[in-house]
Amino acid sequence: VYGPWMVASLSILRTALHQRRAVHSWFIVLLFS
């Protein structure tokens, strides 16, 4: 449960640093939350 949440969270942080959108990663975070 928390593995995909963590991977998607790191993906969101990476895209935030590059100022990109991370719709799919936010979906994974919300789903596993």
PDB file of all heavy atoms in Angstrom:
ATOM      1  N   VAL A   1       0.837  -1.197   0.000  1.00  0.00           N
ATOM      2  CA  VAL A   1       0.000   0.000   0.000  1.00  0.00           C
ATOM      3  C   VAL A   1       0.873   1.249   0.000  1.00  0.00           C
ATOM      4  O   VAL A   1       0.656   2.175  -0.774  1.00  0.00           O
ATOM      5  CB  VAL A   1      -0.955   0.009   1.220  1.00  0.00           C
ATOM      6  CG1 VAL A   1      -1.719   1.315   1.305  1.00  0.00           C
ATOM      7  CG2 VAL A   1      -1.900  -1.168   1.160  1.00  0.00           C
ATOM      8  N   TYR A   2       1.891   1.265   0.867  1.00  0.00           N
ATOM      9  CA  TYR A   2       2.707   2.465   1.008  1.00  0.00           C
ATOM     10  C   TYR A   2       3.852   2.545   0.005  1.00  0.00           C
ATOM     11  O   TYR A   2       4.404   3.627  -0.202  1.00  0.00           O
ATOM     12  CB  TYR A   2       3.240   2.577   2.440  1.00  0.00           C
ATOM     13  CG  TYR A   2       2.142   2.970   3.392  1.00  0.00           C
ATOM     14  CD1 TYR A   2       1.635   2.069   4.313  1.00  0.00           C
ATOM     15  CD2 TYR A   2       1.584   4.235   3.328  1.00  0.00           C
ATOM     16  CE1 TYR A   2       0.616   2.427   5.172  1.00  0.00           C
ATOM     17  CE2 TYR A   2       0.561   4.599   4.176  1.00  0.00           C
ATOM     18  CZ  TYR A   2       0.087   3.696   5.094  1.00  0.00           C
ATOM     19  OH  TYR A   2      -0.924   4.054   5.930  1.00  0.00           O
ATOM     20  N   GLY A   3       4.213   1.454  -0.633  1.00  0.00           N
ATOM     21  CA  GLY A   3       5.260   1.483  -1.656  1.00  0.00           C
ATOM     22  C   GLY A   3       4.877   2.327  -2.861  1.00  0.00           C
ATOM     23  O   GLY A   3       5.592   3.271  -3.225  1.00  0.00           O
ATOM     24  N   PRO A   4       3.731   2.029  -3.508  1.00  0.00           N
ATOM     25  CA  PRO A   4       3.316   2.872  -4.644  1.00  0.00           C
ATOM     26  C   PRO A   4       3.054   4.324  -4.240  1.00  0.00           C
ATOM     27  O   PRO A   4       3.334   5.246  -4.998  1.00  0.00           O
ATOM     28  CB  PRO A   4       2.021   2.209  -5.126  1.00  0.00           C
ATOM     29  CG  PRO A   4       2.120   0.804  -4.664  1.00  0.00           C
ATOM     30  CD  PRO A   4       2.877   0.850  -3.364  1.00  0.00           C
ATOM     31  N   TRP A   5       2.566   4.516  -3.023  1.00  0.00           N
ATOM     32  CA  TRP A   5       2.346   5.876  -2.523  1.00  0.00           C
ATOM     33  C   TRP A   5       3.668   6.628  -2.478  1.00  0.00           C
ATOM     34  O   TRP A   5       3.756   7.778  -2.917  1.00  0.00           O
ATOM     35  CB  TRP A   5       1.715   5.800  -1.129  1.00  0.00           C
ATOM     36  CG  TRP A   5       1.219   7.110  -0.602  1.00  0.00           C
ATOM     37  CD1 TRP A   5      -0.044   7.609  -0.722  1.00  0.00           C
ATOM     38  CD2 TRP A   5       1.959   8.095   0.124  1.00  0.00           C
ATOM     39  NE1 TRP A   5      -0.127   8.832  -0.113  1.00  0.00           N
ATOM     40  CE2 TRP A   5       1.090   9.152   0.413  1.00  0.00           C
ATOM     41  CE3 TRP A   5       3.274   8.184   0.560  1.00  0.00           C
ATOM     42  CZ2 TRP A   5       1.489  10.283   1.112  1.00  0.00           C
ATOM     43  CZ3 TRP A   5       3.680   9.317   1.251  1.00  0.00           C
ATOM     44  CH2 TRP A   5       2.790  10.349   1.526  1.00  0.00           C
ATOM     45  N   MET A   6       4.716   5.980  -1.962  1.00  0.00           N
ATOM     46  CA  MET A   6       6.016   6.626  -1.843  1.00  0.00           C
ATOM     47  C   MET A   6       6.634   6.895  -3.217  1.00  0.00           C
ATOM     48  O   MET A   6       7.188   7.971  -3.459  1.00  0.00           O
ATOM     49  CB  MET A   6       6.967   5.765  -1.001  1.00  0.00           C
ATOM     50  CG  MET A   6       8.324   6.389  -0.802  1.00  0.00           C
ATOM     51  SD  MET A   6       8.277   7.976   0.039  1.00  0.00           S
ATOM     52  CE  MET A   6       7.857   7.475   1.673  1.00  0.00           C
ATOM     53  N   VAL A   7       6.543   5.931  -4.119  1.00  0.00           N
ATOM     54  CA  VAL A   7       7.105   6.115  -5.463  1.00  0.00           C
ATOM     55  C   VAL A   7       6.393   7.260  -6.190  1.00  0.00           C
ATOM     56  O   VAL A   7       7.037   8.117  -6.803  1.00  0.00           O
ATOM     57  CB  VAL A   7       7.015   4.805  -6.270  1.00  0.00           C
ATOM     58  CG1 VAL A   7       7.392   5.027  -7.723  1.00  0.00           C
ATOM     59  CG2 VAL A   7       7.921   3.751  -5.645  1.00  0.00           C
ATOM     60  N   ALA A   8       5.082   7.298  -6.107  1.00  0.00           N
ATOM     61  CA  ALA A   8       4.337   8.384  -6.749  1.00  0.00           C
ATOM     62  C   ALA A   8       4.644   9.728  -6.089  1.00  0.00           C
ATOM     63  O   ALA A   8       4.734  10.751  -6.768  1.00  0.00           O
ATOM     64  CB  ALA A   8       2.837   8.091  -6.701  1.00  0.00           C
ATOM     65  N   SER A   9       4.846   9.728  -4.785  1.00  0.00           N
ATOM     66  CA  SER A   9       5.196  10.966  -4.086  1.00  0.00           C
ATOM     67  C   SER A   9       6.542  11.498  -4.556  1.00  0.00           C
ATOM     68  O   SER A   9       6.705  12.704  -4.786  1.00  0.00           O
ATOM     69  CB  SER A   9       5.243  10.729  -2.575  1.00  0.00           C
ATOM     70  OG  SER A   9       3.986  10.343  -2.100  1.00  0.00           O
ATOM     71  N   LEU A  10       7.506  10.613  -4.704  1.00  0.00           N
ATOM     72  CA  LEU A  10       8.815  11.041  -5.196  1.00  0.00           C
ATOM     73  C   LEU A  10       8.714  11.547  -6.636  1.00  0.00           C
ATOM     74  O   LEU A  10       9.399  12.504  -7.015  1.00  0.00           O
ATOM     75  CB  LEU A  10       9.820   9.894  -5.091  1.00  0.00           C
ATOM     76  CG  LEU A  10      10.209   9.508  -3.665  1.00  0.00           C
ATOM     77  CD1 LEU A  10      11.070   8.254  -3.668  1.00  0.00           C
ATOM     78  CD2 LEU A  10      10.906  10.649  -2.956  1.00  0.00           C
ATOM     79  N   SER A  11       7.867  10.923  -7.418  1.00  0.00           N
ATOM     80  CA  SER A  11       7.654  11.384  -8.787  1.00  0.00           C
ATOM     81  C   SER A  11       7.038  12.778  -8.805  1.00  0.00           C
ATOM     82  O   SER A  11       7.421  13.627  -9.610  1.00  0.00           O
ATOM     83  CB  SER A  11       6.754  10.396  -9.532  1.00  0.00           C
ATOM     84  OG  SER A  11       6.479  10.857 -10.821  1.00  0.00           O
ATOM     85  N   ILE A  12       6.111  13.033  -7.906  1.00  0.00           N
ATOM     86  CA  ILE A  12       5.494  14.356  -7.811  1.00  0.00           C
ATOM     87  C   ILE A  12       6.521  15.398  -7.395  1.00  0.00           C
ATOM     88  O   ILE A  12       6.569  16.505  -7.949  1.00  0.00           O
ATOM     89  CB  ILE A  12       4.299  14.333  -6.838  1.00  0.00           C
ATOM     90  CG1 ILE A  12       3.165  13.512  -7.430  1.00  0.00           C
ATOM     91  CG2 ILE A  12       3.832  15.739  -6.504  1.00  0.00           C
ATOM     92  CD1 ILE A  12       2.061  13.192  -6.460  1.00  0.00           C
ATOM     93  N   LEU A  13       7.372  15.054  -6.436  1.00  0.00           N
ATOM     94  CA  LEU A  13       8.409  15.996  -6.006  1.00  0.00           C
ATOM     95  C   LEU A  13       9.360  16.309  -7.153  1.00  0.00           C
ATOM     96  O   LEU A  13       9.762  17.460  -7.349  1.00  0.00           O
ATOM     97  CB  LEU A  13       9.182  15.432  -4.815  1.00  0.00           C
ATOM     98  CG  LEU A  13       8.429  15.391  -3.498  1.00  0.00           C
ATOM     99  CD1 LEU A  13       9.273  14.716  -2.436  1.00  0.00           C
ATOM    100  CD2 LEU A  13       8.048  16.793  -3.061  1.00  0.00           C
ATOM    101  N   ARG A  14       9.711  15.294  -7.908  1.00  0.00           N
ATOM    102  CA  ARG A  14      10.612  15.500  -9.048  1.00  0.00           C
ATOM    103  C   ARG A  14       9.972  16.402 -10.096  1.00  0.00           C
ATOM    104  O   ARG A  14      10.596  17.326 -10.608  1.00  0.00           O
ATOM    105  CB  ARG A  14      10.983  14.160  -9.670  1.00  0.00           C
ATOM    106  CG  ARG A  14      11.952  14.285 -10.807  1.00  0.00           C
ATOM    107  CD  ARG A  14      12.429  12.902 -11.251  1.00  0.00           C
ATOM    108  NE  ARG A  14      13.290  13.032 -12.389  1.00  0.00           N
ATOM    109  CZ  ARG A  14      12.901  12.868 -13.650  1.00  0.00           C
ATOM    110  NH1 ARG A  14      11.660  12.526 -13.921  1.00  0.00           N
ATOM    111  NH2 ARG A  14      13.744  13.020 -14.647  1.00  0.00           N
ATOM    112  N   THR A  15       8.706  16.155 -10.405  1.00  0.00           N
ATOM    113  CA  THR A  15       8.044  16.990 -11.400  1.00  0.00           C
ATOM    114  C   THR A  15       7.828  18.413 -10.879  1.00  0.00           C
ATOM    115  O   THR A  15       7.861  19.363 -11.656  1.00  0.00           O
ATOM    116  CB  THR A  15       6.699  16.389 -11.847  1.00  0.00           C
ATOM    117  OG1 THR A  15       5.862  16.195 -10.714  1.00  0.00           O
ATOM    118  CG2 THR A  15       6.897  15.088 -12.579  1.00  0.00           C
ATOM    119  N   ALA A  16       7.629  18.562  -9.565  1.00  0.00           N
ATOM    120  CA  ALA A  16       7.496  19.907  -8.994  1.00  0.00           C
ATOM    121  C   ALA A  16       8.802  20.675  -9.129  1.00  0.00           C
ATOM    122  O   ALA A  16       8.802  21.880  -9.410  1.00  0.00           O
ATOM    123  CB  ALA A  16       7.077  19.825  -7.528  1.00  0.00           C
ATOM    124  N   LEU A  17       9.913  19.997  -8.944  1.00  0.00           N
ATOM    125  CA  LEU A  17      11.214  20.657  -9.107  1.00  0.00           C
ATOM    126  C   LEU A  17      11.448  21.080 -10.548  1.00  0.00           C
ATOM    127  O   LEU A  17      12.102  22.086 -10.806  1.00  0.00           O
ATOM    128  CB  LEU A  17      12.339  19.736  -8.637  1.00  0.00           C
ATOM    129  CG  LEU A  17      12.420  19.524  -7.130  1.00  0.00           C
ATOM    130  CD1 LEU A  17      13.454  18.462  -6.810  1.00  0.00           C
ATOM    131  CD2 LEU A  17      12.758  20.825  -6.427  1.00  0.00           C
ATOM    132  N   HIS A  18      10.914  20.323 -11.486  1.00  0.00           N
ATOM    133  CA  HIS A  18      11.053  20.659 -12.901  1.00  0.00           C
ATOM    134  C   HIS A  18       9.888  21.498 -13.417  1.00  0.00           C
ATOM    135  O   HIS A  18       9.795  21.764 -14.612  1.00  0.00           O
ATOM    136  CB  HIS A  18      11.174  19.387 -13.747  1.00  0.00           C
ATOM    137  CG  HIS A  18      12.460  18.675 -13.550  1.00  0.00           C
ATOM    138  ND1 HIS A  18      13.633  19.094 -14.127  1.00  0.00           N
ATOM    139  CD2 HIS A  18      12.780  17.591 -12.808  1.00  0.00           C
ATOM    140  CE1 HIS A  18      14.617  18.289 -13.761  1.00  0.00           C
ATOM    141  NE2 HIS A  18      14.121  17.371 -12.968  1.00  0.00           N
ATOM    142  N   GLN A  19       9.003  21.877 -12.501  1.00  0.00           N
ATOM    143  CA  GLN A  19       7.824  22.691 -12.797  1.00  0.00           C
ATOM    144  C   GLN A  19       6.975  22.087 -13.906  1.00  0.00           C
ATOM    145  O   GLN A  19       6.601  22.727 -14.883  1.00  0.00           O
ATOM    146  CB  GLN A  19       8.242  24.118 -13.138  1.00  0.00           C
ATOM    147  CG  GLN A  19       8.896  24.794 -11.982  1.00  0.00           C
ATOM    148  CD  GLN A  19       9.302  26.209 -12.295  1.00  0.00           C
ATOM    149  OE1 GLN A  19       9.317  26.623 -13.441  1.00  0.00           O
ATOM    150  NE2 GLN A  19       9.632  26.951 -11.260  1.00  0.00           N
ATOM    151  N   ARG A  20       6.676  20.822 -13.727  1.00  0.00           N
ATOM    152  CA  ARG A  20       5.809  20.098 -14.657  1.00  0.00           C
ATOM    153  C   ARG A  20       4.595  19.607 -13.869  1.00  0.00           C
ATOM    154  O   ARG A  20       4.572  19.596 -12.650  1.00  0.00           O
ATOM    155  CB  ARG A  20       6.549  18.901 -15.261  1.00  0.00           C
ATOM    156  CG  ARG A  20       7.831  19.252 -15.947  1.00  0.00           C
ATOM    157  CD  ARG A  20       7.622  19.233 -17.438  1.00  0.00           C
ATOM    158  NE  ARG A  20       8.880  19.283 -18.142  1.00  0.00           N
ATOM    159  CZ  ARG A  20       9.281  20.333 -18.811  1.00  0.00           C
ATOM    160  NH1 ARG A  20       8.560  21.419 -18.821  1.00  0.00           N
ATOM    161  NH2 ARG A  20      10.425  20.310 -19.462  1.00  0.00           N
ATOM    162  N   ARG A  21       3.599  19.126 -14.596  1.00  0.00           N
ATOM    163  CA  ARG A  21       2.398  18.569 -13.968  1.00  0.00           C
ATOM    164  C   ARG A  21       2.581  17.072 -13.772  1.00  0.00           C
ATOM    165  O   ARG A  21       3.240  16.408 -14.563  1.00  0.00           O
ATOM    166  CB  ARG A  21       1.189  18.842 -14.836  1.00  0.00           C
ATOM    167  CG  ARG A  21       0.877  20.329 -14.897  1.00  0.00           C
ATOM    168  CD  ARG A  21      -0.308  20.616 -15.751  1.00  0.00           C
ATOM    169  NE  ARG A  21      -1.444  19.843 -15.288  1.00  0.00           N
ATOM    170  CZ  ARG A  21      -2.491  19.567 -16.038  1.00  0.00           C
ATOM    171  NH1 ARG A  21      -2.541  19.986 -17.272  1.00  0.00           N
ATOM    172  NH2 ARG A  21      -3.482  18.865 -15.556  1.00  0.00           N
ATOM    173  N   ALA A  22       1.961  16.530 -12.730  1.00  0.00           N
ATOM    174  CA  ALA A  22       2.078  15.107 -12.422  1.00  0.00           C
ATOM    175  C   ALA A  22       0.705  14.524 -12.131  1.00  0.00           C
ATOM    176  O   ALA A  22       0.447  14.003 -11.049  1.00  0.00           O
ATOM    177  CB  ALA A  22       3.001  14.913 -11.232  1.00  0.00           C
ATOM    178  N   VAL A  23      -0.175  14.578 -13.098  1.00  0.00           N
ATOM    179  CA  VAL A  23      -1.557  14.143 -12.901  1.00  0.00           C
ATOM    180  C   VAL A  23      -1.623  12.657 -12.560  1.00  0.00           C
ATOM    181  O   VAL A  23      -2.321  12.257 -11.624  1.00  0.00           O
ATOM    182  CB  VAL A  23      -2.408  14.460 -14.158  1.00  0.00           C
ATOM    183  CG1 VAL A  23      -3.821  13.937 -14.004  1.00  0.00           C
ATOM    184  CG2 VAL A  23      -2.408  15.949 -14.422  1.00  0.00           C
ATOM    185  N   HIS A  24      -0.892  11.834 -13.306  1.00  0.00           N
ATOM    186  CA  HIS A  24      -0.931  10.389 -13.063  1.00  0.00           C
ATOM    187  C   HIS A  24      -0.383  10.044 -11.678  1.00  0.00           C
ATOM    188  O   HIS A  24      -0.935   9.192 -10.969  1.00  0.00           O
ATOM    189  CB  HIS A  24      -0.154   9.641 -14.145  1.00  0.00           C
ATOM    190  CG  HIS A  24      -0.775   9.773 -15.493  1.00  0.00           C
ATOM    191  ND1 HIS A  24      -0.395  10.740 -16.393  1.00  0.00           N
ATOM    192  CD2 HIS A  24      -1.780   9.078 -16.090  1.00  0.00           C
ATOM    193  CE1 HIS A  24      -1.124  10.631 -17.479  1.00  0.00           C
ATOM    194  NE2 HIS A  24      -1.980   9.628 -17.328  1.00  0.00           N
ATOM    195  N   SER A  25       0.687  10.691 -11.280  1.00  0.00           N
ATOM    196  CA  SER A  25       1.266  10.419  -9.961  1.00  0.00           C
ATOM    197  C   SER A  25       0.328  10.857  -8.846  1.00  0.00           C
ATOM    198  O   SER A  25       0.203  10.175  -7.824  1.00  0.00           O
ATOM    199  CB  SER A  25       2.616  11.119  -9.828  1.00  0.00           C
ATOM    200  OG  SER A  25       3.517  10.601 -10.776  1.00  0.00           O
ATOM    201  N   TRP A  26      -0.353  11.993  -9.027  1.00  0.00           N
ATOM    202  CA  TRP A  26      -1.331  12.410  -8.022  1.00  0.00           C
ATOM    203  C   TRP A  26      -2.483  11.414  -7.938  1.00  0.00           C
ATOM    204  O   TRP A  26      -3.005  11.148  -6.853  1.00  0.00           O
ATOM    205  CB  TRP A  26      -1.872  13.813  -8.330  1.00  0.00           C
ATOM    206  CG  TRP A  26      -1.005  14.900  -7.776  1.00  0.00           C
ATOM    207  CD1 TRP A  26      -0.252  15.778  -8.476  1.00  0.00           C
ATOM    208  CD2 TRP A  26      -0.809  15.210  -6.394  1.00  0.00           C
ATOM    209  NE1 TRP A  26       0.411  16.613  -7.618  1.00  0.00           N
ATOM    210  CE2 TRP A  26       0.078  16.292  -6.334  1.00  0.00           C
ATOM    211  CE3 TRP A  26      -1.291  14.678  -5.202  1.00  0.00           C
ATOM    212  CZ2 TRP A  26       0.497  16.849  -5.133  1.00  0.00           C
ATOM    213  CZ3 TRP A  26      -0.870  15.237  -4.005  1.00  0.00           C
ATOM    214  CH2 TRP A  26       0.006  16.302  -3.974  1.00  0.00           C
ATOM    215  N   PHE A  27      -2.875  10.851  -9.060  1.00  0.00           N
ATOM    216  CA  PHE A  27      -3.919   9.834  -9.056  1.00  0.00           C
ATOM    217  C   PHE A  27      -3.477   8.624  -8.228  1.00  0.00           C
ATOM    218  O   PHE A  27      -4.255   8.094  -7.427  1.00  0.00           O
ATOM    219  CB  PHE A  27      -4.258   9.412 -10.493  1.00  0.00           C
ATOM    220  CG  PHE A  27      -5.250   8.288 -10.557  1.00  0.00           C
ATOM    221  CD1 PHE A  27      -6.588   8.513 -10.283  1.00  0.00           C
ATOM    222  CD2 PHE A  27      -4.837   7.000 -10.855  1.00  0.00           C
ATOM    223  CE1 PHE A  27      -7.499   7.476 -10.314  1.00  0.00           C
ATOM    224  CE2 PHE A  27      -5.741   5.957 -10.892  1.00  0.00           C
ATOM    225  CZ  PHE A  27      -7.083   6.189 -10.626  1.00  0.00           C
ATOM    226  N   ILE A  28      -2.230   8.182  -8.406  1.00  0.00           N
ATOM    227  CA  ILE A  28      -1.710   7.042  -7.639  1.00  0.00           C
ATOM    228  C   ILE A  28      -1.669   7.371  -6.152  1.00  0.00           C
ATOM    229  O   ILE A  28      -2.056   6.548  -5.311  1.00  0.00           O
ATOM    230  CB  ILE A  28      -0.306   6.638  -8.148  1.00  0.00           C
ATOM    231  CG1 ILE A  28      -0.372   6.181  -9.602  1.00  0.00           C
ATOM    232  CG2 ILE A  28       0.331   5.576  -7.262  1.00  0.00           C
ATOM    233  CD1 ILE A  28      -1.210   4.945  -9.827  1.00  0.00           C
ATOM    234  N   VAL A  29      -1.212   8.566  -5.803  1.00  0.00           N
ATOM    235  CA  VAL A  29      -1.163   8.959  -4.386  1.00  0.00           C
ATOM    236  C   VAL A  29      -2.567   8.965  -3.788  1.00  0.00           C
ATOM    237  O   VAL A  29      -2.793   8.438  -2.685  1.00  0.00           O
ATOM    238  CB  VAL A  29      -0.473  10.328  -4.222  1.00  0.00           C
ATOM    239  CG1 VAL A  29      -0.697  10.901  -2.838  1.00  0.00           C
ATOM    240  CG2 VAL A  29       1.012  10.208  -4.500  1.00  0.00           C
ATOM    241  N   LEU A  30      -3.516   9.541  -4.489  1.00  0.00           N
ATOM    242  CA  LEU A  30      -4.887   9.570  -3.979  1.00  0.00           C
ATOM    243  C   LEU A  30      -5.496   8.177  -3.891  1.00  0.00           C
ATOM    244  O   LEU A  30      -6.200   7.857  -2.915  1.00  0.00           O
ATOM    245  CB  LEU A  30      -5.753  10.477  -4.859  1.00  0.00           C
ATOM    246  CG  LEU A  30      -5.447  11.964  -4.779  1.00  0.00           C
ATOM    247  CD1 LEU A  30      -6.254  12.734  -5.814  1.00  0.00           C
ATOM    248  CD2 LEU A  30      -5.726  12.488  -3.385  1.00  0.00           C
ATOM    249  N   LEU A  31      -5.230   7.345  -4.882  1.00  0.00           N
ATOM    250  CA  LEU A  31      -5.755   5.985  -4.881  1.00  0.00           C
ATOM    251  C   LEU A  31      -5.232   5.183  -3.687  1.00  0.00           C
ATOM    252  O   LEU A  31      -6.010   4.583  -2.937  1.00  0.00           O
ATOM    253  CB  LEU A  31      -5.404   5.265  -6.191  1.00  0.00           C
ATOM    254  CG  LEU A  31      -5.799   3.791  -6.262  1.00  0.00           C
ATOM    255  CD1 LEU A  31      -7.315   3.666  -6.356  1.00  0.00           C
ATOM    256  CD2 LEU A  31      -5.124   3.121  -7.448  1.00  0.00           C
ATOM    257  N   PHE A  32      -3.926   5.197  -3.477  1.00  0.00           N
ATOM    258  CA  PHE A  32      -3.367   4.401  -2.393  1.00  0.00           C
ATOM    259  C   PHE A  32      -3.603   5.029  -1.026  1.00  0.00           C
ATOM    260  O   PHE A  32      -3.665   4.307  -0.027  1.00  0.00           O
ATOM    261  CB  PHE A  32      -1.890   4.096  -2.651  1.00  0.00           C
ATOM    262  CG  PHE A  32      -1.727   2.968  -3.631  1.00  0.00           C
ATOM    263  CD1 PHE A  32      -1.598   3.212  -4.986  1.00  0.00           C
ATOM    264  CD2 PHE A  32      -1.747   1.655  -3.196  1.00  0.00           C
ATOM    265  CE1 PHE A  32      -1.486   2.176  -5.893  1.00  0.00           C
ATOM    266  CE2 PHE A  32      -1.634   0.607  -4.092  1.00  0.00           C
ATOM    267  CZ  PHE A  32      -1.497   0.864  -5.447  1.00  0.00           C
ATOM    268  N   SER A  33      -3.792   6.334  -0.960  1.00  0.00           N
ATOM    269  CA  SER A  33      -4.230   6.940   0.303  1.00  0.00           C
ATOM    270  C   SER A  33      -5.648   6.484   0.629  1.00  0.00           C
ATOM    271  O   SER A  33      -5.959   6.175   1.787  1.00  0.00           O
ATOM    272  CB  SER A  33      -4.185   8.467   0.210  1.00  0.00           C
ATOM    273  OG  SER A  33      -2.878   8.930   0.104  1.00  0.00           O
TER     274      SER A  33
END
